[in-house]
Amino acid sequence: MLKEVVDVLVIGAGPSGCVSAAHLHNNGVKVKMVEKQKFPRLVVGESLIPRVMDHFHEAGLFQSLDAMSFEKKLGARFIRGNEICVFDFSDKYGEGWDWTWQVPRGDFDNTMAKECIAKGIDLEFESEVISVEFDGSDSRTVVKDKDGNLKEIHAKFIIDSSGYGRVLPRLLDLDTPSHLDPHSSIFVHVEDINRPEGEEGTMISFDILETEVWLWVIPFSNGRTSLGVVGPTTFINSLSESKDNREALKNAIQLSDFYVKRFGGVEFLFEPVKLENYSRSVKRMYGDGFALTGNSSEFLDPVFSSGVCFATESGILAAKLYLKGQSGQKVDWETEFTGYMRRGIGVFTTYVKEWYTGNLQTLFFHQPENLDVKQKICAVLAGYVWDETNPFVKKHDNVIKNMAYLINQEKEMAASKV
């Protein structure tokens, strides 16, 4: 069996893997990347949030991505019947990027992977991890290529950025049930032949069909648009008696008064993809000789597009902590990695839960708008969930439900006077 010896093995070539590998390579580390699939490939997570731009810049990937002219995402729109709430990333609390991209992930991830290769990183596609054994922090990983050939990779450290492949969680029995209720989604791409001119045609939108059911509309710069429906798994399954994903998504589009004319008769470009009970969690995010990043550790919900943000945040953080340890400094992975990531994940978890209770929707659509509250929520939606000067970060556990309660009380009092 062939053998390779590297400093760090990165499993997966998505945003998390590319950011961590590029940062390590830029700092003189010998990195090996293995990716099970062939790029470009279809993957969900097409709406980014501004915090990710910091990571692309720091890893030296921004310039190649910017050259692709992906659709700029300046904010996000939420629709509920005749009510509309628009968040503008340039009008948020605190510092940070005021724009990002909405992207077909096949092209986006392929651009990053090619840039990693151009930097000199050894990236091997169609290479599947078969087994991993640890001797202290040193590891021996067996991978199989597309022709069935086996190879053994010896590494000082592994960063598992395998996403839904969840390589180390499976091999090391690290999976644990998510704290979120079971939700599922079905999505597809279409040629957006009825796209309106101007901002209306390019704005990302979330159309609320019921309190827990919503449709996403993510326009791309190539004239195509991603459509997806999200809701409780029982509801998603009820959209088609025959469990046909195409029929289910078409039925969901018919429920949207706002988008039925634009997308009701448009042909799908591929068979719709279903992600069932998509939320994921793990017992621990690191161990002796490895760290889990991106969706290989936690995935919450697509409603606020936090997936790629947490992927790149954890990816570049794992790379930095490895470098810190190699320089002879003590690394407290529990505090510096798990503790840090859990704080941000905790904030978004609250927002996801309060979205589905309806409390967050109450704040979004309340009139007249409280601009101060809106700016602080906007900073969270932009991904700046570690800024505890923002009370909507620091007090996330109760601030949303308390404000929603007060708003509902005011409505009840006003109604009783009529």
Foldseek 3Di string as FASTA:
>chain_A
DAEAEFAEEEEAQALLSLLLLLLLVVVPGQYEYEYQADALDADDLQDAFFLVCVSCVNSVNVVLLVVVVKFKAQWEWEAEPPFIFIAGQVQFPDDTDRIDHGGRRRVNSVSSSVVSVVSPHHYHYNKAWDAWDDDQQWIWTWIAHPVGDIYIYIYSAYEYLRAPVLVCCVRVVWWDDDPDAWKKKKKFKFQQPVQDPDPSRAHWYWYDLDLFKIWTWHDIPVRMIMIMIMGHLVVLCVLDPVSQSVSSRLSVLVSGPVCCVRPNPTDTPDRIDMDTSPWIATNDQADRRYGYFFNSHTDADPPLSCRSVRSSVLSNQVSVQVVCVVVVHDDDCVCSRVVQSCLLVVLVNLVVVCSSVCLVVLLRRDPPHDSNVSNLVSCNSSPPLNPCVRVCNVVVNPPSVVVSVVSVVVVVVVVVVD
